[in-house]
Amino acid sequence: MPTSSSPITSAPAETPELSEFEQQLPLSGEFVSQAAETTGTVDIQRREGGSVWIVLENFRTGDETDLRLYLKQDALVQDAEGHWGSSEDGYEIASIGPGASTQEIEVPGAWDMPAMYTLTVGAYLPPDYPALGSVALG
């Protein structure tokens, strides 16, 4: 029976590669108003166990009741007239409550997202789906 002088070791466990979005974390910022006065702050963190969460604090926006939260790849920019905006495309993260000033929302699919630069709260009002307020993430 052959013998070996080196101990048997198992292969190292593979660490999952972080997405471009996860590599940016932590991210934070303050809301700027768009179609409605919108205030509050955002903090995005990777938590123990690997899940990614968005925390809205002191959040307040217009009177709309069907709100959606989006992450966008484009930067938030201000035009010459002072209006804030970003690309219309984005990842819909969740519906959020209009009356809760502090909210925690898990980001589904964070493990596979490209880099994100803007968070937007929009009203689910067809056909326009207006952006009520956004955050430049940094």
Protein backbone atom coordinates (compact mmCIF):
# COMPACT_ATOMS: atom_id res chain seq x y z
CA MET A 1 0.00 0.00 0.00
CA PRO A 2 1.55 3.34 -1.04
CA THR A 3 2.07 6.00 1.58
CA SER A 4 2.35 9.74 1.29
CA SER A 5 4.28 12.11 3.46
CA SER A 6 1.92 15.02 2.79
CA PRO A 7 -1.49 15.20 4.47
CA ILE A 8 -4.65 14.95 2.40
CA THR A 9 -6.37 18.29 2.05
CA SER A 10 -9.60 19.24 0.43
CA ALA A 11 -9.81 21.87 -2.27
CA PRO A 12 -10.52 25.35 -0.93
CA ALA A 13 -14.17 26.34 -1.02
CA GLU A 14 -14.83 28.69 -3.91
CA THR A 15 -15.82 32.18 -2.90
CA PRO A 16 -18.60 33.48 -5.11
CA GLU A 17 -17.48 36.36 -7.25
CA LEU A 18 -19.17 39.64 -6.38
CA SER A 19 -21.18 41.44 -9.04
CA GLU A 20 -20.11 44.91 -10.19
CA PHE A 21 -22.93 46.32 -8.06
CA GLU A 22 -21.84 44.40 -4.94
CA GLN A 23 -18.25 45.58 -5.42
CA GLN A 24 -19.49 49.21 -5.17
CA LEU A 25 -21.00 48.70 -1.71
CA PRO A 26 -21.59 50.43 0.60
CA LEU A 27 -23.48 53.16 -1.27
CA SER A 28 -25.43 56.11 0.10
CA GLY A 29 -26.90 59.46 -0.80
CA GLU A 30 -29.72 61.98 -0.37
CA PHE A 31 -32.87 62.33 -2.45
CA VAL A 32 -33.37 65.19 -4.88
CA SER A 33 -36.91 66.07 -5.94
CA GLN A 34 -38.21 65.41 -9.43
CA ALA A 35 -41.99 65.21 -10.08
CA ALA A 36 -42.78 65.62 -6.36
CA GLU A 37 -40.98 67.01 -3.34
CA THR A 38 -38.94 64.04 -2.13
CA THR A 39 -36.62 63.98 0.89
CA GLY A 40 -34.65 61.41 2.84
CA THR A 41 -31.47 59.38 2.68
CA VAL A 42 -30.51 56.01 1.25
CA ASP A 43 -27.96 53.51 2.52
CA ILE A 44 -27.22 50.30 0.58
CA GLN A 45 -25.20 47.61 2.37
CA ARG A 46 -24.23 43.99 1.93
CA ARG A 47 -25.26 42.19 5.12
CA GLU A 48 -23.92 39.12 6.83
CA GLY A 49 -24.93 36.13 4.76
CA GLY A 50 -24.47 38.05 1.50
CA SER A 51 -27.87 39.69 1.02
CA VAL A 52 -27.97 43.32 -0.10
CA TRP A 53 -30.40 45.77 1.52
CA ILE A 54 -31.56 49.30 0.78
CA VAL A 55 -32.49 51.38 3.83
CA LEU A 56 -34.58 54.51 3.32
CA GLU A 57 -34.52 56.93 6.26
CA ASN A 58 -36.61 60.06 6.79
CA PHE A 59 -38.22 59.24 3.44
CA ARG A 60 -41.07 61.44 2.26
CA THR A 61 -42.54 62.07 -1.18
CA GLY A 62 -45.76 63.23 -2.89
CA ASP A 63 -49.28 61.89 -2.45
CA GLU A 64 -48.98 58.87 -4.76
CA THR A 65 -49.81 55.52 -3.19
CA ASP A 66 -48.32 53.02 -5.69
CA LEU A 67 -44.57 53.63 -5.43
CA ARG A 68 -41.78 51.59 -7.00
CA LEU A 69 -38.07 51.59 -6.24
CA TYR A 70 -35.56 51.31 -9.11
CA LEU A 71 -31.79 51.00 -9.41
CA LYS A 72 -30.33 52.50 -12.58
CA GLN A 73 -27.01 52.16 -14.36
CA ASP A 74 -26.91 55.79 -15.53
CA ALA A 75 -25.75 58.67 -13.39
CA LEU A 76 -28.20 61.23 -12.04
CA VAL A 77 -27.63 64.49 -13.88
CA GLN A 78 -29.03 67.99 -13.71
CA ASP A 79 -29.89 69.74 -16.98
CA ALA A 80 -29.41 73.43 -17.79
CA GLU A 81 -32.90 74.21 -16.46
CA GLY A 82 -32.14 72.59 -13.10
CA HIS A 83 -34.20 69.41 -13.61
CA TRP A 84 -32.78 66.13 -12.34
CA GLY A 85 -32.95 62.95 -14.40
CA SER A 86 -31.37 59.69 -15.46
CA SER A 87 -32.04 56.97 -17.98
CA GLU A 88 -35.56 55.61 -18.08
CA ASP A 89 -34.22 52.05 -17.92
CA GLY A 90 -33.66 50.43 -14.57
CA TYR A 91 -34.10 47.40 -12.38
CA GLU A 92 -37.40 47.43 -10.50
CA ILE A 93 -36.50 46.43 -6.94
CA ALA A 94 -39.80 46.54 -5.05
CA SER A 95 -43.01 48.33 -4.26
CA ILE A 96 -42.55 50.60 -1.27
CA GLY A 97 -44.91 52.10 1.26
CA PRO A 98 -45.78 55.76 0.77
CA GLY A 99 -46.24 56.52 4.47
CA ALA A 100 -43.28 54.82 6.17
CA SER A 101 -40.33 57.16 6.70
CA THR A 102 -37.94 54.26 7.43
CA GLN A 103 -38.00 51.22 5.16
CA GLU A 104 -35.70 48.26 4.54
CA ILE A 105 -35.86 46.55 1.18
CA GLU A 106 -33.85 43.53 0.06
CA VAL A 107 -32.32 43.82 -3.42
CA PRO A 108 -33.26 40.72 -5.43
CA GLY A 109 -30.62 39.53 -7.90
CA ALA A 110 -27.86 41.77 -6.53
CA TRP A 111 -25.38 38.95 -7.19
CA ASP A 112 -25.84 39.46 -10.95
CA MET A 113 -26.19 43.25 -11.33
CA PRO A 114 -23.95 45.63 -13.22
CA ALA A 115 -22.70 48.79 -11.52
CA MET A 116 -25.51 51.10 -10.37
CA TYR A 117 -25.30 54.87 -9.99
CA THR A 118 -28.87 56.07 -9.33
CA LEU A 119 -31.77 55.01 -7.13
CA THR A 120 -35.20 56.32 -8.15
CA VAL A 121 -38.64 56.29 -6.55
CA GLY A 122 -41.33 56.36 -9.20
CA ALA A 123 -45.11 56.46 -9.20
CA TYR A 124 -46.73 53.55 -10.97
CA LEU A 125 -49.03 55.78 -13.03
CA PRO A 126 -49.39 54.77 -16.67
CA PRO A 127 -48.61 55.97 -19.22
CA ASP A 128 -45.89 58.30 -17.85
CA TYR A 129 -44.60 56.49 -14.71
CA PRO A 130 -43.07 59.72 -13.31
CA ALA A 131 -39.89 59.73 -11.27
CA LEU A 132 -40.75 61.43 -7.99
CA GLY A 133 -37.24 61.61 -6.57
CA SER A 134 -33.78 60.13 -7.09
CA VAL A 135 -30.45 59.64 -5.36
CA ALA A 136 -26.98 59.87 -6.90
CA LEU A 137 -25.29 56.87 -5.29
CA GLY A 138 -21.79 57.27 -3.99
